[in-house]
Amino acid sequence: MAWRIVQQPNGLFAIFSDVVDGFTVIDMTEAEAALECVDQLSDGVTEAARKKVAAAIESGIDRWNESILTIAAIHGADVAERILTDVGEGE
C-alpha cells in the first residue's frame, strides 16, 4: 500500500504516503478525501474511493497515531510535533 486515508483527531482526513513516510494532504472533509482517492486511484473508480475513506473512518484515530509515530521515527519528533501543532493537536 503506497498511501492511505487516515482520520485526524479533529474529524477531518489526511493522506499518509508510505513512499515519503509523511502526509501529502491534511485537513480534508470526507467528500474531499473521496475525491482525492478517485484522483489517485489508477482506475478512478468511486466505489474503491469510498472504501478507502470508509476504512479510515472504521480505524478511527489508530491510523493517525500510527502515521505520527512513523513520521517521528523517520523524520524526527520535531517534525511530528509540528504536524500535530498544525492540525491543532500539539502543545
N, C-alpha and C. Protein backbone atom coordinates (compact mmCIF):
# COMPACT_ATOMS: atom_id res chain seq x y z
N MET A 1 0.85 -1.17 0.00
CA MET A 1 0.00 0.00 0.00
C MET A 1 0.90 1.24 0.00
N ALA A 2 0.79 2.05 -1.01
CA ALA A 2 1.64 3.23 -1.11
C ALA A 2 1.06 4.42 -0.34
N TRP A 3 -0.25 4.46 -0.13
CA TRP A 3 -0.87 5.57 0.59
C TRP A 3 -2.18 5.10 1.19
N ARG A 4 -2.61 5.85 2.20
CA ARG A 4 -3.89 5.51 2.84
C ARG A 4 -4.52 6.78 3.38
N ILE A 5 -5.81 6.73 3.51
CA ILE A 5 -6.57 7.81 4.13
C ILE A 5 -6.58 7.56 5.63
N VAL A 6 -6.33 8.59 6.40
CA VAL A 6 -6.42 8.50 7.87
C VAL A 6 -7.33 9.60 8.38
N GLN A 7 -8.04 9.29 9.44
CA GLN A 7 -8.89 10.30 10.05
C GLN A 7 -8.11 11.00 11.15
N GLN A 8 -8.08 12.30 11.09
CA GLN A 8 -7.37 13.11 12.06
C GLN A 8 -8.18 13.20 13.36
N PRO A 9 -7.53 13.55 14.46
CA PRO A 9 -8.24 13.70 15.73
C PRO A 9 -9.38 14.72 15.67
N ASN A 10 -9.27 15.70 14.78
CA ASN A 10 -10.31 16.73 14.67
C ASN A 10 -11.46 16.32 13.76
N GLY A 11 -11.45 15.06 13.28
CA GLY A 11 -12.53 14.55 12.44
C GLY A 11 -12.30 14.73 10.96
N LEU A 12 -11.34 15.55 10.58
CA LEU A 12 -11.01 15.71 9.17
C LEU A 12 -10.10 14.56 8.73
N PHE A 13 -9.73 14.54 7.45
CA PHE A 13 -8.98 13.42 6.90
C PHE A 13 -7.66 13.87 6.30
N ALA A 14 -6.71 12.93 6.22
CA ALA A 14 -5.41 13.19 5.64
C ALA A 14 -5.01 11.99 4.78
N ILE A 15 -4.04 12.22 3.89
CA ILE A 15 -3.45 11.12 3.13
C ILE A 15 -2.04 10.92 3.66
N PHE A 16 -1.75 9.67 4.08
CA PHE A 16 -0.41 9.31 4.54
C PHE A 16 0.25 8.48 3.46
N SER A 17 1.44 8.90 3.02
CA SER A 17 2.18 8.21 1.98
C SER A 17 3.27 7.34 2.59
N ASP A 18 3.27 6.06 2.24
CA ASP A 18 4.34 5.17 2.67
C ASP A 18 5.61 5.42 1.88
N VAL A 19 5.50 6.12 0.78
CA VAL A 19 6.67 6.43 -0.04
C VAL A 19 7.54 7.48 0.64
N VAL A 20 6.91 8.54 1.13
CA VAL A 20 7.66 9.61 1.79
C VAL A 20 7.56 9.53 3.31
N ASP A 21 6.80 8.54 3.81
CA ASP A 21 6.57 8.40 5.24
C ASP A 21 6.10 9.70 5.85
N GLY A 22 5.10 10.28 5.23
CA GLY A 22 4.53 11.53 5.71
C GLY A 22 3.19 11.81 5.07
N PHE A 23 2.56 12.88 5.54
CA PHE A 23 1.27 13.29 5.00
C PHE A 23 1.48 14.10 3.72
N THR A 24 0.69 13.81 2.72
CA THR A 24 0.75 14.58 1.49
C THR A 24 -0.41 15.56 1.40
N VAL A 25 -1.49 15.28 2.13
CA VAL A 25 -2.65 16.17 2.20
C VAL A 25 -3.22 16.06 3.60
N ILE A 26 -3.61 17.18 4.21
CA ILE A 26 -4.27 17.15 5.52
C ILE A 26 -5.51 18.03 5.48
N ASP A 27 -6.31 17.89 6.51
CA ASP A 27 -7.49 18.73 6.74
C ASP A 27 -8.52 18.68 5.61
N MET A 28 -8.82 17.47 5.14
CA MET A 28 -9.85 17.30 4.11
C MET A 28 -11.16 16.88 4.76
N THR A 29 -12.26 17.30 4.16
CA THR A 29 -13.56 16.77 4.57
C THR A 29 -13.68 15.35 4.02
N GLU A 30 -14.71 14.64 4.43
CA GLU A 30 -14.93 13.29 3.91
C GLU A 30 -15.11 13.32 2.39
N ALA A 31 -15.86 14.30 1.90
CA ALA A 31 -16.08 14.42 0.46
C ALA A 31 -14.78 14.72 -0.29
N GLU A 32 -13.97 15.60 0.28
CA GLU A 32 -12.68 15.92 -0.35
C GLU A 32 -11.76 14.70 -0.36
N ALA A 33 -11.79 13.92 0.72
CA ALA A 33 -10.97 12.71 0.78
C ALA A 33 -11.40 11.72 -0.29
N ALA A 34 -12.69 11.58 -0.49
CA ALA A 34 -13.19 10.68 -1.53
C ALA A 34 -12.75 11.15 -2.91
N LEU A 35 -12.80 12.45 -3.15
CA LEU A 35 -12.36 12.99 -4.45
C LEU A 35 -10.86 12.77 -4.65
N GLU A 36 -10.07 12.94 -3.61
CA GLU A 36 -8.62 12.68 -3.70
C GLU A 36 -8.37 11.22 -4.04
N CYS A 37 -9.14 10.33 -3.45
CA CYS A 37 -9.00 8.90 -3.74
C CYS A 37 -9.30 8.62 -5.20
N VAL A 38 -10.37 9.19 -5.70
CA VAL A 38 -10.73 8.99 -7.11
C VAL A 38 -9.60 9.48 -8.00
N ASP A 39 -9.03 10.64 -7.67
CA ASP A 39 -7.93 11.19 -8.45
C ASP A 39 -6.68 10.30 -8.41
N GLN A 40 -6.41 9.71 -7.25
CA GLN A 40 -5.17 8.96 -7.08
C GLN A 40 -5.27 7.49 -7.51
N LEU A 41 -6.48 6.95 -7.50
CA LEU A 41 -6.63 5.56 -7.91
C LEU A 41 -6.52 5.48 -9.43
N SER A 42 -5.73 4.54 -9.90
CA SER A 42 -5.48 4.46 -11.34
C SER A 42 -6.74 4.18 -12.14
N ASP A 43 -7.69 3.45 -11.56
CA ASP A 43 -8.91 3.14 -12.30
C ASP A 43 -9.99 4.21 -12.10
N GLY A 44 -9.77 5.12 -11.15
CA GLY A 44 -10.72 6.21 -10.93
C GLY A 44 -12.09 5.77 -10.49
N VAL A 45 -12.19 4.59 -9.90
CA VAL A 45 -13.49 4.05 -9.50
C VAL A 45 -13.93 4.67 -8.18
N THR A 46 -15.11 5.25 -8.17
CA THR A 46 -15.57 5.91 -6.96
C THR A 46 -15.89 4.93 -5.85
N GLU A 47 -16.28 3.71 -6.17
CA GLU A 47 -16.56 2.71 -5.12
C GLU A 47 -15.29 2.37 -4.36
N ALA A 48 -14.18 2.23 -5.05
CA ALA A 48 -12.91 1.96 -4.39
C ALA A 48 -12.52 3.14 -3.51
N ALA A 49 -12.80 4.34 -3.97
CA ALA A 49 -12.51 5.54 -3.18
C ALA A 49 -13.35 5.55 -1.92
N ARG A 50 -14.61 5.24 -2.04
CA ARG A 50 -15.48 5.19 -0.86
C ARG A 50 -14.98 4.16 0.15
N LYS A 51 -14.48 3.04 -0.34
CA LYS A 51 -13.98 2.00 0.55
C LYS A 51 -12.74 2.48 1.31
N LYS A 52 -11.87 3.23 0.65
CA LYS A 52 -10.68 3.75 1.32
C LYS A 52 -11.06 4.74 2.42
N VAL A 53 -12.03 5.59 2.15
CA VAL A 53 -12.48 6.54 3.17
C VAL A 53 -13.18 5.80 4.31
N ALA A 54 -13.99 4.81 3.96
CA ALA A 54 -14.68 4.02 4.99
C ALA A 54 -13.68 3.30 5.89
N ALA A 55 -12.59 2.81 5.31
CA ALA A 55 -11.55 2.14 6.11
C ALA A 55 -10.92 3.12 7.09
N ALA A 56 -10.75 4.36 6.66
CA ALA A 56 -10.19 5.39 7.55
C ALA A 56 -11.14 5.66 8.71
N ILE A 57 -12.41 5.76 8.40
CA ILE A 57 -13.41 6.01 9.45
C ILE A 57 -13.46 4.84 10.41
N GLU A 58 -13.44 3.63 9.88
CA GLU A 58 -13.52 2.44 10.71
C GLU A 58 -12.32 2.31 11.65
N SER A 59 -11.14 2.66 11.16
CA SER A 59 -9.95 2.53 12.00
C SER A 59 -9.83 3.66 13.02
N GLY A 60 -10.61 4.72 12.81
CA GLY A 60 -10.61 5.84 13.75
C GLY A 60 -9.24 6.47 13.87
N ILE A 61 -8.89 6.81 15.08
CA ILE A 61 -7.64 7.54 15.34
C ILE A 61 -6.40 6.64 15.27
N ASP A 62 -6.59 5.33 15.23
CA ASP A 62 -5.44 4.41 15.22
C ASP A 62 -4.50 4.66 14.04
N ARG A 63 -5.06 4.82 12.84
CA ARG A 63 -4.21 5.07 11.67
C ARG A 63 -3.45 6.39 11.81
N TRP A 64 -4.12 7.38 12.35
CA TRP A 64 -3.47 8.68 12.56
C TRP A 64 -2.28 8.51 13.50
N ASN A 65 -2.51 7.86 14.64
CA ASN A 65 -1.45 7.67 15.63
C ASN A 65 -0.28 6.88 15.05
N GLU A 66 -0.57 5.83 14.28
CA GLU A 66 0.50 5.05 13.65
C GLU A 66 1.29 5.91 12.68
N SER A 67 0.59 6.75 11.94
CA SER A 67 1.25 7.64 10.98
C SER A 67 2.17 8.63 11.68
N ILE A 68 1.69 9.22 12.77
CA ILE A 68 2.50 10.16 13.54
C ILE A 68 3.74 9.47 14.11
N LEU A 69 3.58 8.25 14.61
CA LEU A 69 4.73 7.51 15.13
C LEU A 69 5.75 7.22 14.03
N THR A 70 5.28 6.89 12.84
CA THR A 70 6.19 6.64 11.71
C THR A 70 6.94 7.91 11.34
N ILE A 71 6.23 9.02 11.27
CA ILE A 71 6.87 10.30 10.96
C ILE A 71 7.94 10.63 12.00
N ALA A 72 7.62 10.43 13.28
CA ALA A 72 8.58 10.71 14.34
C ALA A 72 9.81 9.83 14.22
N ALA A 73 9.61 8.56 13.89
CA ALA A 73 10.73 7.63 13.77
C ALA A 73 11.61 7.93 12.56
N ILE A 74 10.99 8.32 11.45
CA ILE A 74 11.73 8.54 10.21
C ILE A 74 12.28 9.97 10.12
N HIS A 75 11.46 10.93 10.44
CA HIS A 75 11.81 12.34 10.22
C HIS A 75 12.15 13.11 11.50
N GLY A 76 11.86 12.52 12.64
CA GLY A 76 12.17 13.16 13.91
C GLY A 76 10.93 13.65 14.65
N ALA A 77 11.06 13.68 15.96
CA ALA A 77 9.94 14.09 16.82
C ALA A 77 9.52 15.53 16.56
N ASP A 78 10.47 16.38 16.18
CA ASP A 78 10.12 17.78 15.93
C ASP A 78 9.19 17.92 14.73
N VAL A 79 9.40 17.10 13.70
CA VAL A 79 8.52 17.14 12.53
C VAL A 79 7.13 16.65 12.91
N ALA A 80 7.07 15.56 13.66
CA ALA A 80 5.77 15.03 14.10
C ALA A 80 5.04 16.07 14.96
N GLU A 81 5.75 16.72 15.85
CA GLU A 81 5.14 17.73 16.72
C GLU A 81 4.63 18.92 15.90
N ARG A 82 5.37 19.30 14.88
CA ARG A 82 4.94 20.40 14.01
C ARG A 82 3.61 20.07 13.31
N ILE A 83 3.49 18.82 12.86
CA ILE A 83 2.24 18.39 12.22
C ILE A 83 1.11 18.43 13.23
N LEU A 84 1.34 17.92 14.42
CA LEU A 84 0.30 17.93 15.44
C LEU A 84 -0.13 19.36 15.77
N THR A 85 0.83 20.26 15.82
CA THR A 85 0.52 21.67 16.08
C THR A 85 -0.28 22.25 14.92
N ASP A 86 0.10 21.91 13.69
CA ASP A 86 -0.60 22.43 12.51
C ASP A 86 -2.07 22.03 12.46
N VAL A 87 -2.38 20.84 12.98
CA VAL A 87 -3.77 20.38 12.96
C VAL A 87 -4.46 20.60 14.31
N GLY A 88 -3.79 21.35 15.18
CA GLY A 88 -4.42 21.72 16.44
C GLY A 88 -4.37 20.67 17.52
N GLU A 89 -3.45 19.73 17.42
CA GLU A 89 -3.37 18.67 18.43
C GLU A 89 -2.09 18.73 19.24
N GLY A 90 -1.19 19.64 18.91
CA GLY A 90 0.08 19.74 19.63
C GLY A 90 0.00 20.71 20.78
N GLU A 91 1.15 20.99 21.34
CA GLU A 91 1.21 21.90 22.51
C GLU A 91 0.74 23.28 22.19
